[in-house]
Amino acid sequence: MKKYLLLLIPFFFYGRQLLVYWGDLFFCLQVFASISVLTGFMVLLLKRTTLSTMLDWTIATCFSIYFCFLFHITVEVVAFPDLHSSDWSNLSFIVQTVNVHPIRGILDIVRNNPNATFQIVGNLLMLSPFAFVMRYFSWVNSTKRTIMYGFFLSFVIEVIQLVETAVDMVWQLGIRRSPDSSDVLLNTAGAMFGALAYHVWKTVKQPSFGKNGRLNPTIQDQQEDY
């Protein structure tokens, strides 16, 4: 089916990296693993998606590109360059990298980060497109469930980042992340914003357009009469 052409987007997204680092076996394995994971998730989502209008295709294409960026900046697959060079004693410091107090985490960002506004707004908006698209393509049938899935997705991302941090401490890969409960709070709020944005958009759109994205007959007749 034509909609599965969108599965080419992860290949284009990572294609330049493959061309530049083709001789690096471990890096290429990392990229191919990332492409495989991305493609697998996109297949699951596309199975639940119907693309019948140009607007559907536009939103699906933009979402596919956004999904690649989301994966890249949050949980991109990491290869192990040397499994024999490790220091398991570093795991004792992992507790210091985790913040379990969301409000304190936000306050720390405001106080200590010169780009605090950018970081907070970025975390707020990170899952907003995902929530909007979940409602647009009816992957989820209620705002409440959309917010719940947003929370779950953000929580899973933080858990994966915790695992990646542990891996980095043992093998010193240079990919250390800082799992933070404030990210879950902000991401969930962003998912709520995305779901509400869809509700507003649907309210504005519905009087003029039907579910298929075309003008309703009454509106179309009025335009033709005019």
Protein backbone atom coordinates (compact mmCIF):
# COMPACT_ATOMS: atom_id res chain seq x y z
CA MET A 1 0.00 0.00 0.00
CA LYS A 2 1.13 3.54 -0.74
CA LYS A 3 1.17 4.61 2.90
CA TYR A 4 4.10 2.28 3.56
CA LEU A 5 6.27 4.47 1.35
CA LEU A 6 6.62 6.57 4.51
CA LEU A 7 8.89 3.81 5.82
CA LEU A 8 11.59 5.21 3.54
CA ILE A 9 11.84 8.34 5.71
CA PRO A 10 14.07 6.70 8.40
CA PHE A 11 16.47 5.61 5.63
CA PHE A 12 16.67 9.17 4.28
CA PHE A 13 16.99 10.52 7.83
CA TYR A 14 20.04 8.37 8.61
CA GLY A 15 21.33 8.03 5.05
CA ARG A 16 23.93 10.79 5.26
CA GLN A 17 25.46 9.26 8.39
CA LEU A 18 25.84 5.94 6.61
CA LEU A 19 27.58 7.59 3.67
CA VAL A 20 29.99 9.53 5.90
CA TYR A 21 30.82 6.70 8.31
CA TRP A 22 30.43 3.69 6.03
CA GLY A 23 33.84 2.29 7.04
CA ASP A 24 32.98 2.27 10.75
CA LEU A 25 31.38 -1.12 11.37
CA PHE A 26 30.09 -0.43 14.88
CA PHE A 27 28.61 2.93 13.91
CA CYS A 28 26.87 1.41 10.89
CA LEU A 29 25.44 -1.34 13.09
CA GLN A 30 24.13 1.35 15.42
CA VAL A 31 22.50 3.22 12.53
CA PHE A 32 20.95 0.06 11.06
CA ALA A 33 19.62 -0.86 14.50
CA SER A 34 18.07 2.61 14.83
CA ILE A 35 16.50 2.32 11.38
CA SER A 36 15.12 -1.13 12.23
CA VAL A 37 13.55 0.04 15.50
CA LEU A 38 12.09 3.16 13.87
CA THR A 39 10.70 1.16 10.96
CA GLY A 40 9.15 -1.38 13.31
CA PHE A 41 7.32 1.28 15.32
CA MET A 42 6.18 3.05 12.14
CA VAL A 43 4.78 -0.19 10.72
CA LEU A 44 2.69 -0.65 13.86
CA LEU A 45 1.38 2.92 13.62
CA LEU A 46 0.72 2.81 9.87
CA LYS A 47 -1.35 -0.35 10.27
CA ARG A 48 -3.80 1.74 12.28
CA THR A 49 -3.69 4.68 9.86
CA THR A 50 -5.87 5.49 6.86
CA LEU A 51 -4.60 8.12 4.42
CA SER A 52 -7.43 9.26 2.15
CA THR A 53 -6.83 12.99 1.63
CA MET A 54 -3.91 15.28 0.88
CA LEU A 55 -4.16 16.60 4.44
CA ASP A 56 -3.84 13.06 5.79
CA TRP A 57 -0.69 12.51 3.73
CA THR A 58 0.78 15.85 4.77
CA ILE A 59 0.21 15.19 8.47
CA ALA A 60 1.49 11.60 8.20
CA THR A 61 4.65 12.73 6.39
CA CYS A 62 5.35 15.50 8.90
CA PHE A 63 4.73 13.08 11.75
CA SER A 64 7.15 10.52 10.27
CA ILE A 65 9.91 13.14 10.10
CA TYR A 66 9.08 14.34 13.62
CA PHE A 67 9.12 10.74 14.89
CA CYS A 68 12.64 10.25 13.53
CA PHE A 69 13.83 13.39 15.31
CA LEU A 70 12.06 12.34 18.53
CA PHE A 71 13.76 8.95 18.45
CA HIS A 72 17.13 10.52 17.62
CA ILE A 73 17.17 12.97 20.54
CA THR A 74 15.72 10.63 23.16
CA VAL A 75 16.45 6.90 22.82
CA GLU A 76 18.64 6.34 19.77
CA VAL A 77 20.21 2.87 19.68
CA VAL A 78 23.82 2.76 20.92
CA ALA A 79 26.39 0.15 19.84
CA PHE A 80 29.16 -1.09 22.13
CA PRO A 81 32.59 -0.37 20.63
CA ASP A 82 34.53 -2.53 23.09
CA LEU A 83 32.77 -4.89 25.48
CA HIS A 84 36.08 -5.87 27.08
CA SER A 85 36.84 -2.33 28.26
CA SER A 86 34.41 -1.75 31.11
CA ASP A 87 34.26 -0.43 34.66
CA TRP A 88 31.26 -1.74 36.55
CA SER A 89 32.20 0.18 39.69
CA ASN A 90 30.93 3.37 38.02
CA LEU A 91 27.36 2.10 38.42
CA SER A 92 27.51 3.18 42.05
CA PHE A 93 27.22 6.79 40.85
CA ILE A 94 24.06 6.29 38.79
CA VAL A 95 21.78 7.51 41.61
CA GLN A 96 23.41 10.93 41.32
CA THR A 97 22.23 11.27 37.71
CA VAL A 98 18.53 10.76 38.47
CA ASN A 99 16.15 13.47 39.67
CA VAL A 100 12.94 12.14 41.21
CA HIS A 101 11.59 15.54 42.31
CA PRO A 102 9.86 17.10 39.27
CA ILE A 103 9.21 20.57 40.70
CA ARG A 104 12.73 20.84 42.05
CA GLY A 105 14.05 19.76 38.67
CA ILE A 106 12.16 22.55 36.92
CA LEU A 107 13.35 25.11 39.49
CA ASP A 108 16.94 23.93 39.01
CA ILE A 109 16.61 24.44 35.26
CA VAL A 110 15.29 27.97 35.76
CA ARG A 111 18.05 28.88 38.22
CA ASN A 112 21.06 27.25 36.60
CA ASN A 113 20.39 26.95 32.88
CA PRO A 114 20.88 30.09 30.73
CA ASN A 115 18.63 28.45 28.13
CA ALA A 116 15.96 27.53 30.68
CA THR A 117 13.04 28.84 28.61
CA PHE A 118 14.18 26.91 25.54
CA GLN A 119 14.58 23.68 27.51
CA ILE A 120 11.25 23.96 29.33
CA VAL A 121 9.32 24.89 26.19
CA GLY A 122 11.11 22.11 24.30
CA ASN A 123 10.03 19.52 26.87
CA LEU A 124 6.49 20.91 26.84
CA LEU A 125 6.23 20.65 23.06
CA MET A 126 8.10 17.37 22.62
CA LEU A 127 5.04 15.10 22.70
CA SER A 128 2.44 17.65 21.56
CA PRO A 129 2.63 16.60 17.87
CA PHE A 130 2.42 12.95 18.90
CA ALA A 131 -0.74 13.60 20.94
CA PHE A 132 -2.31 15.63 18.12
CA VAL A 133 -1.66 12.88 15.58
CA MET A 134 -2.93 10.17 17.94
CA ARG A 135 -6.27 11.95 17.99
CA TYR A 136 -6.25 12.95 14.31
CA PHE A 137 -5.79 9.37 13.06
CA SER A 138 -7.97 7.95 15.86
CA TRP A 139 -5.18 5.82 17.31
CA VAL A 140 -6.71 6.85 20.64
CA ASN A 141 -10.39 7.68 21.04
CA SER A 142 -10.35 10.11 23.96
CA THR A 143 -8.36 13.04 25.31
CA LYS A 144 -7.95 11.29 28.66
CA ARG A 145 -6.33 8.24 27.06
CA THR A 146 -4.14 10.45 24.90
CA ILE A 147 -2.73 12.14 28.01
CA MET A 148 -2.31 8.76 29.70
CA TYR A 149 -0.36 7.39 26.72
CA GLY A 150 1.71 10.57 26.67
CA PHE A 151 2.66 9.98 30.30
CA PHE A 152 3.47 6.33 29.61
CA LEU A 153 5.61 7.19 26.57
CA SER A 154 7.54 9.84 28.49
CA PHE A 155 8.08 7.44 31.40
CA VAL A 156 9.40 4.74 29.06
CA ILE A 157 11.77 7.25 27.45
CA GLU A 158 13.18 8.17 30.87
CA VAL A 159 13.64 4.50 31.80
CA ILE A 160 15.49 3.85 28.53
CA GLN A 161 17.66 6.90 29.17
CA LEU A 162 18.44 5.52 32.63
CA VAL A 163 19.59 2.25 31.04
CA GLU A 164 21.67 4.19 28.50
CA THR A 165 23.25 6.16 31.35
CA ALA A 166 24.18 2.91 33.08
CA VAL A 167 25.66 1.56 29.85
CA ASP A 168 27.66 4.76 29.39
CA MET A 169 29.03 4.57 32.92
CA VAL A 170 30.25 1.02 32.37
CA TRP A 171 31.66 1.40 28.85
CA GLN A 172 32.33 5.17 28.70
CA LEU A 173 30.54 5.70 25.38
CA GLY A 174 30.02 9.43 25.75
CA ILE A 175 26.23 9.29 25.46
CA ARG A 176 25.30 9.94 29.09
CA ARG A 177 21.80 11.29 29.65
CA SER A 178 20.18 12.61 32.81
CA PRO A 179 16.84 10.92 33.58
CA ASP A 180 14.58 13.53 35.16
CA SER A 181 11.05 13.23 36.51
CA SER A 182 10.46 16.88 35.56
CA ASP A 183 10.72 15.79 31.92
CA VAL A 184 7.83 13.37 32.49
CA LEU A 185 5.74 16.14 34.03
CA LEU A 186 6.47 18.59 31.19
CA ASN A 187 6.06 15.97 28.45
CA THR A 188 2.70 14.90 29.87
CA ALA A 189 1.56 18.52 30.01
CA GLY A 190 2.66 18.83 26.38
CA ALA A 191 0.63 15.75 25.44
CA MET A 192 -2.39 17.38 27.07
CA PHE A 193 -1.71 20.54 25.05
CA GLY A 194 -1.52 18.51 21.83
CA ALA A 195 -4.79 16.71 22.58
CA LEU A 196 -6.54 20.00 23.37
CA ALA A 197 -5.07 21.56 20.21
CA TYR A 198 -6.68 18.75 18.20
CA HIS A 199 -10.00 19.37 19.94
CA VAL A 200 -9.85 23.09 19.08
CA TRP A 201 -8.79 22.34 15.50
CA LYS A 202 -11.62 19.83 15.07
CA THR A 203 -14.15 22.31 16.48
CA VAL A 204 -13.02 25.00 14.04
CA LYS A 205 -12.78 22.59 11.09
CA GLN A 206 -15.99 20.61 11.54
CA PRO A 207 -18.55 23.21 10.37
CA SER A 208 -16.85 23.44 6.98
CA PHE A 209 -15.28 20.02 6.46
CA GLY A 210 -16.51 16.48 6.81
CA LYS A 211 -14.54 13.55 8.18
CA ASN A 212 -13.00 12.94 4.76
CA GLY A 213 -11.43 16.40 4.76
CA ARG A 214 -13.69 17.71 1.98
CA LEU A 215 -16.15 20.58 2.07
CA ASN A 216 -19.56 19.67 3.41
CA PRO A 217 -22.26 19.77 0.71
CA THR A 218 -24.09 22.74 2.24
CA ILE A 219 -20.94 24.86 2.36
CA GLN A 220 -19.96 23.77 -1.14
CA ASP A 221 -23.41 24.65 -2.51
CA GLN A 222 -23.23 28.08 -0.92
CA GLN A 223 -19.85 28.70 -2.50
CA GLU A 224 -21.12 27.58 -5.91
CA ASP A 225 -24.19 29.83 -5.61
CA TYR A 226 -21.92 32.72 -4.72
